[in-house]
N, C-alpha and C. Protein backbone atom coordinates (compact mmCIF):
# COMPACT_ATOMS: atom_id res chain seq x y z
N MET A 1 104.26 -183.63 31.70
CA MET A 1 105.15 -183.89 30.52
C MET A 1 106.40 -182.81 30.70
N ILE A 2 107.50 -183.30 30.54
CA ILE A 2 108.80 -182.51 30.57
C ILE A 2 109.30 -182.48 29.18
N VAL A 3 109.68 -181.36 28.71
CA VAL A 3 110.27 -181.19 27.29
C VAL A 3 111.72 -180.58 27.43
N TYR A 4 112.67 -181.36 27.19
CA TYR A 4 113.99 -180.80 27.24
C TYR A 4 114.46 -180.19 25.83
N VAL A 5 114.98 -179.01 25.83
CA VAL A 5 115.16 -178.22 24.68
C VAL A 5 116.57 -177.65 24.82
N LYS A 6 117.14 -177.24 23.58
CA LYS A 6 118.31 -176.46 23.48
C LYS A 6 118.05 -175.23 22.82
N THR A 7 118.76 -174.14 23.21
CA THR A 7 118.65 -172.79 22.64
C THR A 7 118.96 -172.87 21.15
N GLY A 8 118.12 -172.35 20.37
CA GLY A 8 118.34 -172.28 18.89
C GLY A 8 118.18 -173.56 18.11
N CYS A 9 117.53 -174.45 18.71
CA CYS A 9 117.31 -175.80 18.10
C CYS A 9 116.03 -175.74 17.33
N PRO A 10 115.96 -175.92 15.98
CA PRO A 10 114.67 -175.80 15.15
C PRO A 10 113.73 -176.92 15.50
N TRP A 11 114.31 -178.04 15.88
CA TRP A 11 113.42 -179.23 16.13
C TRP A 11 112.72 -178.99 17.39
N CYS A 12 113.44 -178.36 18.36
CA CYS A 12 112.79 -178.02 19.66
C CYS A 12 111.73 -177.04 19.41
N ALA A 13 111.95 -176.08 18.65
CA ALA A 13 110.93 -175.01 18.42
C ALA A 13 109.65 -175.68 17.73
N GLY A 14 109.88 -176.58 16.93
CA GLY A 14 108.71 -177.26 16.23
C GLY A 14 107.90 -178.08 17.24
N VAL A 15 108.52 -178.84 18.13
CA VAL A 15 107.82 -179.43 19.15
C VAL A 15 107.05 -178.54 20.12
N LEU A 16 107.66 -177.38 20.48
CA LEU A 16 107.04 -176.53 21.34
C LEU A 16 105.90 -175.76 20.74
N GLU A 17 105.99 -175.57 19.47
CA GLU A 17 104.92 -175.03 18.61
C GLU A 17 103.76 -175.89 18.59
N LEU A 18 103.92 -177.31 18.46
CA LEU A 18 102.90 -178.34 18.35
C LEU A 18 102.22 -178.22 19.72
N LEU A 19 102.99 -178.33 20.82
CA LEU A 19 102.41 -178.43 22.23
C LEU A 19 101.53 -177.10 22.52
N HIS A 20 101.96 -176.01 22.17
CA HIS A 20 101.37 -174.72 22.34
C HIS A 20 99.93 -174.85 21.53
N GLU A 21 100.10 -175.11 20.25
CA GLU A 21 99.00 -175.23 19.37
C GLU A 21 97.98 -176.07 19.80
N LYS A 22 98.27 -177.22 20.34
CA LYS A 22 97.35 -178.33 20.81
C LYS A 22 96.91 -178.03 22.32
N LYS A 23 97.54 -177.10 22.90
CA LYS A 23 97.11 -176.74 24.30
C LYS A 23 97.48 -177.85 25.21
N VAL A 24 98.57 -178.43 25.01
CA VAL A 24 99.14 -179.54 25.92
C VAL A 24 99.95 -179.00 26.92
N SER A 25 99.72 -179.31 28.21
CA SER A 25 100.46 -178.62 29.25
C SER A 25 101.90 -179.45 29.44
N PHE A 26 102.91 -178.57 29.58
CA PHE A 26 104.16 -179.24 29.77
C PHE A 26 105.06 -178.34 30.58
N GLU A 27 106.12 -178.92 30.96
CA GLU A 27 107.26 -178.15 31.67
C GLU A 27 108.43 -178.10 30.65
N GLU A 28 108.92 -176.95 30.40
CA GLU A 28 109.99 -176.69 29.37
C GLU A 28 111.22 -176.65 30.28
N ARG A 29 112.27 -177.51 29.93
CA ARG A 29 113.62 -177.39 30.52
C ARG A 29 114.78 -177.25 29.61
N ASN A 30 115.24 -176.04 29.66
CA ASN A 30 116.40 -175.69 28.69
C ASN A 30 117.73 -176.31 29.11
N VAL A 31 118.22 -177.26 28.55
CA VAL A 31 119.46 -177.98 28.82
C VAL A 31 120.81 -177.20 28.47
N THR A 32 120.57 -176.20 27.53
CA THR A 32 121.66 -175.34 27.30
C THR A 32 121.97 -174.36 28.42
N GLU A 33 120.91 -173.88 29.07
CA GLU A 33 121.09 -172.87 30.11
C GLU A 33 121.22 -173.54 31.47
N ASN A 34 120.97 -174.87 31.74
CA ASN A 34 121.02 -175.41 32.98
C ASN A 34 121.60 -176.79 32.93
N LYS A 35 122.84 -176.98 33.47
CA LYS A 35 123.48 -178.13 33.34
C LYS A 35 122.82 -179.36 34.22
N ALA A 36 122.10 -178.94 35.23
CA ALA A 36 121.43 -179.96 35.99
C ALA A 36 120.32 -180.60 35.10
N PHE A 37 119.61 -179.75 34.26
CA PHE A 37 118.57 -180.17 33.30
C PHE A 37 119.31 -181.15 32.29
N PHE A 38 120.47 -180.72 31.85
CA PHE A 38 121.22 -181.46 30.81
C PHE A 38 121.39 -182.89 31.35
N ASP A 39 122.05 -182.87 32.59
CA ASP A 39 122.38 -184.14 33.22
C ASP A 39 121.23 -185.06 33.38
N GLU A 40 120.08 -184.44 33.80
CA GLU A 40 118.93 -185.20 34.02
C GLU A 40 118.44 -185.83 32.60
N MET A 41 118.45 -185.06 31.59
CA MET A 41 118.05 -185.56 30.31
C MET A 41 118.90 -186.76 29.92
N VAL A 42 120.16 -186.59 30.05
CA VAL A 42 121.17 -187.60 29.66
C VAL A 42 120.87 -188.90 30.53
N LYS A 43 120.74 -188.83 31.80
CA LYS A 43 120.37 -189.88 32.67
C LYS A 43 119.10 -190.56 32.23
N LYS A 44 118.13 -189.83 31.94
CA LYS A 44 116.73 -190.42 31.54
C LYS A 44 116.97 -191.15 30.06
N SER A 45 117.56 -190.47 29.15
CA SER A 45 117.53 -190.92 27.79
C SER A 45 118.74 -191.60 27.25
N GLY A 46 119.84 -191.54 27.94
CA GLY A 46 121.03 -192.12 27.48
C GLY A 46 121.81 -191.45 26.30
N GLN A 47 121.33 -190.19 26.07
CA GLN A 47 121.91 -189.40 24.93
C GLN A 47 121.86 -187.95 25.26
N THR A 48 122.37 -187.16 24.34
CA THR A 48 122.64 -185.72 24.54
C THR A 48 121.81 -184.92 23.59
N LYS A 49 120.96 -185.39 22.79
CA LYS A 49 120.30 -184.56 21.80
C LYS A 49 118.86 -184.18 22.21
N ALA A 50 118.43 -182.96 21.72
CA ALA A 50 117.14 -182.48 22.05
C ALA A 50 116.39 -182.19 20.70
N PRO A 51 115.10 -182.18 20.81
CA PRO A 51 114.20 -182.31 21.96
C PRO A 51 114.08 -183.67 22.46
N THR A 52 114.00 -183.83 23.76
CA THR A 52 113.78 -185.02 24.44
C THR A 52 112.55 -184.87 25.27
N LEU A 53 111.62 -185.69 25.23
CA LEU A 53 110.46 -185.56 26.12
C LEU A 53 110.33 -186.72 27.21
N ASP A 54 109.76 -186.49 28.27
CA ASP A 54 109.48 -187.39 29.24
C ASP A 54 108.04 -187.34 29.52
N ILE A 55 107.29 -188.29 28.99
CA ILE A 55 105.80 -188.23 29.01
C ILE A 55 105.32 -189.36 30.03
N ASP A 56 105.19 -189.03 31.22
CA ASP A 56 104.70 -190.01 32.22
C ASP A 56 105.74 -191.12 32.27
N GLY A 57 107.01 -190.89 32.16
CA GLY A 57 107.96 -191.87 32.30
C GLY A 57 108.41 -192.54 30.92
N VAL A 58 107.62 -192.16 29.91
CA VAL A 58 108.07 -192.68 28.51
C VAL A 58 108.95 -191.59 27.91
N ILE A 59 110.19 -191.97 27.43
CA ILE A 59 111.11 -191.09 26.99
C ILE A 59 111.15 -191.09 25.41
N LEU A 60 110.92 -189.96 24.86
CA LEU A 60 111.07 -189.81 23.36
C LEU A 60 112.29 -189.01 23.17
N ALA A 61 113.43 -189.73 22.82
CA ALA A 61 114.67 -189.04 22.70
C ALA A 61 114.93 -188.55 21.31
N ASP A 62 115.65 -187.39 21.25
CA ASP A 62 116.06 -186.90 19.97
C ASP A 62 114.93 -186.93 19.02
N SER A 63 113.78 -186.35 19.28
CA SER A 63 112.59 -186.51 18.61
C SER A 63 112.24 -185.30 17.79
N ASP A 64 111.21 -185.24 16.94
CA ASP A 64 110.88 -184.07 16.25
C ASP A 64 109.35 -183.96 16.36
N LYS A 65 108.78 -182.90 15.68
CA LYS A 65 107.44 -182.57 15.75
C LYS A 65 106.53 -183.78 15.38
N ASP A 66 106.82 -184.36 14.21
CA ASP A 66 105.92 -185.46 13.61
C ASP A 66 105.91 -186.64 14.59
N GLN A 67 107.15 -187.05 15.14
CA GLN A 67 107.18 -188.21 16.01
C GLN A 67 106.40 -187.89 17.30
N VAL A 68 106.57 -186.66 17.81
CA VAL A 68 105.79 -186.31 19.07
C VAL A 68 104.32 -186.31 18.76
N GLU A 69 103.92 -185.71 17.65
CA GLU A 69 102.50 -185.64 17.38
C GLU A 69 101.92 -186.98 17.18
N LYS A 70 102.62 -187.96 16.47
CA LYS A 70 102.23 -189.34 16.38
C LYS A 70 101.93 -189.95 17.66
N TYR A 71 102.87 -189.89 18.55
CA TYR A 71 102.94 -190.52 19.92
C TYR A 71 101.69 -189.98 20.71
N LEU A 72 101.55 -188.66 20.64
CA LEU A 72 100.35 -188.08 21.43
C LEU A 72 99.01 -188.44 20.89
N ARG A 73 99.01 -188.58 19.58
CA ARG A 73 97.66 -189.04 18.95
C ARG A 73 97.29 -190.46 19.38
N GLU A 74 98.39 -191.36 19.21
CA GLU A 74 98.30 -192.67 19.71
C GLU A 74 97.80 -192.93 21.02
N LYS A 75 98.25 -192.13 21.99
CA LYS A 75 97.94 -192.18 23.36
C LYS A 75 96.70 -191.42 23.67
N GLY A 76 96.01 -190.70 22.75
CA GLY A 76 94.80 -190.10 22.93
C GLY A 76 94.92 -188.67 23.73
N ILE A 77 96.30 -188.17 23.81
CA ILE A 77 96.47 -187.01 24.48
C ILE A 77 95.96 -185.83 23.62
N ILE A 78 96.17 -185.97 22.30
CA ILE A 78 95.61 -184.86 21.30
C ILE A 78 94.67 -185.62 20.34
N THR A 79 93.86 -184.87 19.77
CA THR A 79 92.99 -185.35 18.67
C THR A 79 93.22 -184.47 17.52
N ALA A 80 92.27 -184.37 16.64
CA ALA A 80 92.36 -183.58 15.44
C ALA A 80 93.13 -182.32 15.42
């Protein structure tokens, strides 16, 4: 799982908090600090907003903690 984030983004912080809390392994890529990561995120998602997640090829673009948690529960990646 790759999580594209921007520095100072409260929605990004919420998603990262959820993933840490649920002990989900992921790679964090800060698109504010690395143009290559930004370009990669835009190519994958077709947009420029974060957080954006790449979960085994499924793109959750411009998401938030609730959307990510719902998806991860539906896929059985996290439980209670």
